[in-house]
PDB file of N, CA and C in Angstrom:
ATOM      1  N   MET A   1     124.977  78.272  79.269  1.00  0.00           N
ATOM      2  CA  MET A   1     124.505  79.633  79.128  1.00  0.00           C
ATOM      3  C   MET A   1     124.003  80.122  80.490  1.00  0.00           C
ATOM      4  N   CYS A   2     124.381  81.322  80.861  1.00  0.00           N
ATOM      5  CA  CYS A   2     123.952  81.910  82.129  1.00  0.00           C
ATOM      6  C   CYS A   2     122.905  82.976  81.859  1.00  0.00           C
ATOM      7  N   LEU A   3     121.671  82.690  82.229  1.00  0.00           N
ATOM      8  CA  LEU A   3     120.610  83.667  82.085  1.00  0.00           C
ATOM      9  C   LEU A   3     120.306  84.270  83.443  1.00  0.00           C
ATOM     10  N   VAL A   4     119.533  85.312  83.431  1.00  0.00           N
ATOM     11  CA  VAL A   4     119.263  86.101  84.629  1.00  0.00           C
ATOM     12  C   VAL A   4     117.977  85.642  85.310  1.00  0.00           C
ATOM     13  N   ALA A   5     117.952  85.769  86.620  1.00  0.00           N
ATOM     14  CA  ALA A   5     116.740  85.591  87.410  1.00  0.00           C
ATOM     15  C   ALA A   5     116.292  86.980  87.870  1.00  0.00           C
ATOM     16  N   VAL A   6     114.986  87.217  87.846  1.00  0.00           N
ATOM     17  CA  VAL A   6     114.441  88.508  88.271  1.00  0.00           C
ATOM     18  C   VAL A   6     113.672  88.306  89.572  1.00  0.00           C
ATOM     19  N   TYR A   7     114.006  89.142  90.550  1.00  0.00           N
ATOM     20  CA  TYR A   7     113.350  89.123  91.854  1.00  0.00           C
ATOM     21  C   TYR A   7     112.594  90.426  92.039  1.00  0.00           C
ATOM     22  N   VAL A   8     111.481  90.369  92.794  1.00  0.00           N
ATOM     23  CA  VAL A   8     110.713  91.577  93.106  1.00  0.00           C
ATOM     24  C   VAL A   8     110.803  91.825  94.598  1.00  0.00           C
ATOM     25  N   GLU A   9     111.151  93.069  94.934  1.00  0.00           N
ATOM     26  CA  GLU A   9     111.277  93.500  96.322  1.00  0.00           C
ATOM     27  C   GLU A   9     110.175  94.503  96.608  1.00  0.00           C
ATOM     28  N   GLN A  10     109.595  94.425  97.787  1.00  0.00           N
ATOM     29  CA  GLN A  10     108.549  95.350  98.178  1.00  0.00           C
ATOM     30  C   GLN A  10     109.137  96.742  98.451  1.00  0.00           C
ATOM     31  N   PRO A  11     108.343  97.809  98.260  1.00  0.00           N
ATOM     32  CA  PRO A  11     108.876  99.169  98.393  1.00  0.00           C
ATOM     33  C   PRO A  11     109.325  99.541  99.804  1.00  0.00           C
ATOM     34  N   ASP A  12     108.883  98.810 100.818  1.00  0.00           N
ATOM     35  CA  ASP A  12     109.308  99.152 102.175  1.00  0.00           C
ATOM     36  C   ASP A  12     110.755  98.739 102.440  1.00  0.00           C
ATOM     37  N   ARG A  13     111.371  98.044 101.460  1.00  0.00           N
ATOM     38  CA  ARG A  13     112.781  97.621 101.528  1.00  0.00           C
ATOM     39  C   ARG A  13     113.096  96.794 102.768  1.00  0.00           C
ATOM     40  N   SER A  14     112.154  95.961 103.148  1.00  0.00           N
ATOM     41  CA  SER A  14     112.375  95.082 104.296  1.00  0.00           C
ATOM     42  C   SER A  14     113.417  94.018 103.983  1.00  0.00           C
ATOM     43  N   GLY A  15     113.852  93.999 102.731  1.00  0.00           N
ATOM     44  CA  GLY A  15     114.825  93.002 102.325  1.00  0.00           C
ATOM     45  C   GLY A  15     114.179  91.747 101.784  1.00  0.00           C
ATOM     46  N   GLU A  16     112.868  91.653 101.965  1.00  0.00           N
ATOM     47  CA  GLU A  16     112.160  90.479 101.461  1.00  0.00           C
ATOM     48  C   GLU A  16     111.964  90.605  99.961  1.00  0.00           C
ATOM     49  N   ARG A  17     112.354  89.576  99.258  1.00  0.00           N
ATOM     50  CA  ARG A  17     112.163  89.562  97.822  1.00  0.00           C
ATOM     51  C   ARG A  17     111.799  88.148  97.402  1.00  0.00           C
ATOM     52  N   LYS A  18     111.080  88.059  96.288  1.00  0.00           N
ATOM     53  CA  LYS A  18     110.718  86.732  95.819  1.00  0.00           C
ATOM     54  C   LYS A  18     111.031  86.604  94.337  1.00  0.00           C
ATOM     55  N   LEU A  19     111.350  85.391  93.947  1.00  0.00           N
ATOM     56  CA  LEU A  19     111.664  85.105  92.561  1.00  0.00           C
ATOM     57  C   LEU A  19     110.415  85.321  91.721  1.00  0.00           C
ATOM     58  N   ALA A  20     110.532  86.152  90.688  1.00  0.00           N
ATOM     59  CA  ALA A  20     109.406  86.448  89.810  1.00  0.00           C
ATOM     60  C   ALA A  20     109.503  85.683  88.497  1.00  0.00           C
ATOM     61  N   VAL A  21     110.678  85.705  87.874  1.00  0.00           N
ATOM     62  CA  VAL A  21     110.887  85.046  86.583  1.00  0.00           C
ATOM     63  C   VAL A  21     112.328  84.520  86.539  1.00  0.00           C
ATOM     64  N   SER A  22     112.486  83.302  86.055  1.00  0.00           N
ATOM     65  CA  SER A  22     113.832  82.763  85.871  1.00  0.00           C
ATOM     66  C   SER A  22     114.109  82.590  84.385  1.00  0.00           C
ATOM     67  N   ASP A  23     115.344  82.334  84.047  1.00  0.00           N
ATOM     68  CA  ASP A  23     115.776  82.173  82.647  1.00  0.00           C
ATOM     69  C   ASP A  23     115.391  83.373  81.791  1.00  0.00           C
ATOM     70  N   VAL A  24     115.656  84.559  82.311  1.00  0.00           N
ATOM     71  CA  VAL A  24     115.287  85.803  81.626  1.00  0.00           C
ATOM     72  C   VAL A  24     116.305  86.123  80.533  1.00  0.00           C
ATOM     73  N   ALA A  25     115.776  86.408  79.350  1.00  0.00           N
ATOM     74  CA  ALA A  25     116.621  86.745  78.213  1.00  0.00           C
ATOM     75  C   ALA A  25     116.604  88.241  77.910  1.00  0.00           C
ATOM     76  N   LEU A  26     115.527  88.950  78.327  1.00  0.00           N
ATOM     77  CA  LEU A  26     115.387  90.367  78.004  1.00  0.00           C
ATOM     78  C   LEU A  26     114.677  91.103  79.132  1.00  0.00           C
ATOM     79  N   VAL A  27     115.221  92.256  79.507  1.00  0.00           N
ATOM     80  CA  VAL A  27     114.586  93.169  80.464  1.00  0.00           C
ATOM     81  C   VAL A  27     114.430  94.498  79.749  1.00  0.00           C
ATOM     82  N   ASP A  28     113.182  94.939  79.592  1.00  0.00           N
ATOM     83  CA  ASP A  28     112.885  96.178  78.874  1.00  0.00           C
ATOM     84  C   ASP A  28     112.255  97.168  79.838  1.00  0.00           C
ATOM     85  N   CYS A  29     112.931  98.303  80.055  1.00  0.00           N
ATOM     86  CA  CYS A  29     112.465  99.324  80.990  1.00  0.00           C
ATOM     87  C   CYS A  29     111.801 100.457  80.237  1.00  0.00           C
ATOM     88  N   SER A  30     110.684 100.940  80.796  1.00  0.00           N
ATOM     89  CA  SER A  30     110.007 102.108  80.243  1.00  0.00           C
ATOM     90  C   SER A  30     109.533 102.971  81.403  1.00  0.00           C
ATOM     91  N   ASP A  31     108.942 104.115  81.091  1.00  0.00           N
ATOM     92  CA  ASP A  31     108.485 105.033  82.136  1.00  0.00           C
ATOM     93  C   ASP A  31     107.405 104.422  83.019  1.00  0.00           C
ATOM     94  N   ASP A  32     106.622 103.486  82.469  1.00  0.00           N
ATOM     95  CA  ASP A  32     105.510 102.934  83.235  1.00  0.00           C
ATOM     96  C   ASP A  32     105.745 101.524  83.754  1.00  0.00           C
ATOM     97  N   GLY A  33     106.977 101.045  83.719  1.00  0.00           N
ATOM     98  CA  GLY A  33     107.255  99.736  84.296  1.00  0.00           C
ATOM     99  C   GLY A  33     108.378  98.991  83.597  1.00  0.00           C
ATOM    100  N   VAL A  34     108.447  97.698  83.904  1.00  0.00           N
ATOM    101  CA  VAL A  34     109.503  96.832  83.382  1.00  0.00           C
ATOM    102  C   VAL A  34     108.839  95.592  82.780  1.00  0.00           C
ATOM    103  N   THR A  35     109.226  95.253  81.558  1.00  0.00           N
ATOM    104  CA  THR A  35     108.757  94.025  80.926  1.00  0.00           C
ATOM    105  C   THR A  35     109.918  93.046  80.871  1.00  0.00           C
ATOM    106  N   VAL A  36     109.655  91.828  81.339  1.00  0.00           N
ATOM    107  CA  VAL A  36     110.669  90.785  81.409  1.00  0.00           C
ATOM    108  C   VAL A  36     110.236  89.651  80.482  1.00  0.00           C
ATOM    109  N   THR A  37     111.159  89.202  79.627  1.00  0.00           N
ATOM    110  CA  THR A  37     110.862  88.115  78.702  1.00  0.00           C
ATOM    111  C   THR A  37     111.828  86.965  78.963  1.00  0.00           C
ATOM    112  N   ASP A  38     111.265  85.754  79.112  1.00  0.00           N
ATOM    113  CA  ASP A  38     112.119  84.600  79.392  1.00  0.00           C
ATOM    114  C   ASP A  38     112.615  83.953  78.103  1.00  0.00           C
ATOM    115  N   LEU A  39     113.391  82.913  78.252  1.00  0.00           N
ATOM    116  CA  LEU A  39     114.030  82.233  77.138  1.00  0.00           C
ATOM    117  C   LEU A  39     113.024  81.672  76.133  1.00  0.00           C
ATOM    118  N   LEU A  40     111.830  81.320  76.604  1.00  0.00           N
ATOM    119  CA  LEU A  40     110.793  80.761  75.733  1.00  0.00           C
ATOM    120  C   LEU A  40     109.905  81.830  75.099  1.00  0.00           C
ATOM    121  N   GLY A  41     110.204  83.099  75.369  1.00  0.00           N
ATOM    122  CA  GLY A  41     109.458  84.198  74.766  1.00  0.00           C
ATOM    123  C   GLY A  41     108.246  84.652  75.551  1.00  0.00           C
ATOM    124  N   ARG A  42     108.035  84.116  76.744  1.00  0.00           N
ATOM    125  CA  ARG A  42     106.913  84.538  77.591  1.00  0.00           C
ATOM    126  C   ARG A  42     107.280  85.849  78.278  1.00  0.00           C
ATOM    127  N   SER A  43     106.374  86.803  78.225  1.00  0.00           N
ATOM    128  CA  SER A  43     106.633  88.122  78.816  1.00  0.00           C
ATOM    129  C   SER A  43     105.741  88.363  80.021  1.00  0.00           C
ATOM    130  N   GLU A  44     106.289  89.098  80.981  1.00  0.00           N
ATOM    131  CA  GLU A  44     105.528  89.519  82.148  1.00  0.00           C
ATOM    132  C   GLU A  44     105.889  90.964  82.438  1.00  0.00           C
ATOM    133  N   ARG A  45     104.850  91.765  82.732  1.00  0.00           N
ATOM    134  CA  ARG A  45     105.047  93.193  82.978  1.00  0.00           C
ATOM    135  C   ARG A  45     104.909  93.477  84.471  1.00  0.00           C
ATOM    136  N   PHE A  46     105.789  94.342  84.982  1.00  0.00           N
ATOM    137  CA  PHE A  46     105.782  94.709  86.394  1.00  0.00           C
ATOM    138  C   PHE A  46     105.677  96.221  86.528  1.00  0.00           C
ATOM    139  N   GLN A  47     104.854  96.664  87.456  1.00  0.00           N
ATOM    140  CA  GLN A  47     104.804  98.078  87.825  1.00  0.00           C
ATOM    141  C   GLN A  47     105.923  98.266  88.843  1.00  0.00           C
ATOM    142  N   ALA A  48     107.127  98.443  88.332  1.00  0.00           N
ATOM    143  CA  ALA A  48     108.315  98.466  89.179  1.00  0.00           C
ATOM    144  C   ALA A  48     109.418  99.243  88.486  1.00  0.00           C
ATOM    145  N   ARG A  49     110.501  99.406  89.232  1.00  0.00           N
ATOM    146  CA  ARG A  49     111.711  99.997  88.661  1.00  0.00           C
ATOM    147  C   ARG A  49     112.865  99.070  88.973  1.00  0.00           C
ATOM    148  N   VAL A  50     113.907  99.132  88.176  1.00  0.00           N
ATOM    149  CA  VAL A  50     115.080  98.306  88.420  1.00  0.00           C
ATOM    150  C   VAL A  50     115.847  98.904  89.596  1.00  0.00           C
ATOM    151  N   ARG A  51     116.065  98.094  90.600  1.00  0.00           N
ATOM    152  CA  ARG A  51     116.819  98.552  91.773  1.00  0.00           C
ATOM    153  C   ARG A  51     118.289  98.202  91.622  1.00  0.00           C
ATOM    154  N   THR A  52     118.588  96.935  91.286  1.00  0.00           N
ATOM    155  CA  THR A  52     119.972  96.524  91.082  1.00  0.00           C
ATOM    156  C   THR A  52     120.067  95.498  89.950  1.00  0.00           C
ATOM    157  N   VAL A  53     121.220  95.491  89.330  1.00  0.00           N
ATOM    158  CA  VAL A  53     121.587  94.472  88.347  1.00  0.00           C
ATOM    159  C   VAL A  53     122.933  93.926  88.783  1.00  0.00           C
ATOM    160  N   ASP A  54     122.978  92.641  89.113  1.00  0.00           N
ATOM    161  CA  ASP A  54     124.207  92.003  89.553  1.00  0.00           C
ATOM    162  C   ASP A  54     124.586  90.954  88.510  1.00  0.00           C
ATOM    163  N   LEU A  55     125.573  91.263  87.691  1.00  0.00           N
ATOM    164  CA  LEU A  55     125.956  90.366  86.609  1.00  0.00           C
ATOM    165  C   LEU A  55     126.778  89.179  87.098  1.00  0.00           C
ATOM    166  N   VAL A  56     127.392  89.291  88.256  1.00  0.00           N
ATOM    167  CA  VAL A  56     128.131  88.169  88.819  1.00  0.00           C
ATOM    168  C   VAL A  56     127.157  87.103  89.337  1.00  0.00           C
ATOM    169  N   LYS A  57     126.098  87.547  90.001  1.00  0.00           N
ATOM    170  CA  LYS A  57     125.094  86.625  90.535  1.00  0.00           C
ATOM    171  C   LYS A  57     123.998  86.302  89.514  1.00  0.00           C
ATOM    172  N   ASN A  58     124.045  86.959  88.349  1.00  0.00           N
ATOM    173  CA  ASN A  58     123.025  86.766  87.303  1.00  0.00           C
ATOM    174  C   ASN A  58     121.625  87.042  87.830  1.00  0.00           C
ATOM    175  N   GLU A  59     121.470  88.220  88.471  1.00  0.00           N
ATOM    176  CA  GLU A  59     120.149  88.570  88.986  1.00  0.00           C
ATOM    177  C   GLU A  59     119.853  90.044  88.830  1.00  0.00           C
ATOM    178  N   VAL A  60     118.567  90.317  88.649  1.00  0.00           N
ATOM    179  CA  VAL A  60     118.041  91.674  88.598  1.00  0.00           C
ATOM    180  C   VAL A  60     117.010  91.776  89.711  1.00  0.00           C
ATOM    181  N   VAL A  61     117.079  92.853  90.484  1.00  0.00           N
ATOM    182  CA  VAL A  61     116.106  93.077  91.546  1.00  0.00           C
ATOM    183  C   VAL A  61     115.248  94.271  91.146  1.00  0.00           C
ATOM    184  N   LEU A  62     113.932  94.050  91.123  1.00  0.00           N
ATOM    185  CA  LEU A  62     112.967  95.108  90.839  1.00  0.00           C
ATOM    186  C   LEU A  62     112.358  95.577  92.147  1.00  0.00           C
ATOM    187  N   GLU A  63     112.127  96.882  92.244  1.00  0.00           N
ATOM    188  CA  GLU A  63     111.440  97.425  93.412  1.00  0.00           C
ATOM    189  C   GLU A  63     110.037  97.799  92.964  1.00  0.00           C
ATOM    190  N   GLN A  64     109.060  97.131  93.566  1.00  0.00           N
ATOM    191  CA  GLN A  64     107.666  97.365  93.215  1.00  0.00           C
ATOM    192  C   GLN A  64     107.263  98.781  93.562  1.00  0.00           C
ATOM    193  N   ARG A  65     106.538  99.426  92.638  1.00  0.00           N
ATOM    194  CA  ARG A  65     106.064 100.784  92.907  1.00  0.00           C
ATOM    195  C   ARG A  65     104.895 100.750  93.864  1.00  0.00           C
ATOM    196  N   GLU A  66     104.815 101.788  94.677  1.00  0.00           N
ATOM    197  CA  GLU A  66     103.723 101.886  95.665  1.00  0.00           C
ATOM    198  C   GLU A  66     102.441 102.291  94.997  1.00  0.00           C
TER     199      GLU A  66
END
């Protein structure tokens, strides 16, 4: 099974990003942020927006809000 990894990138777009959550099963976007839930059902909320979704690399990049 190929699950997604979620990375968080800083708003200055320096290209620096760090792994936030691995084995992600659900990404839920709302007006006030993004909630990510992993395979074990653990959720983490980010004050961010989805910048890219790459299904070939199995990754989602979030851009942290300023």
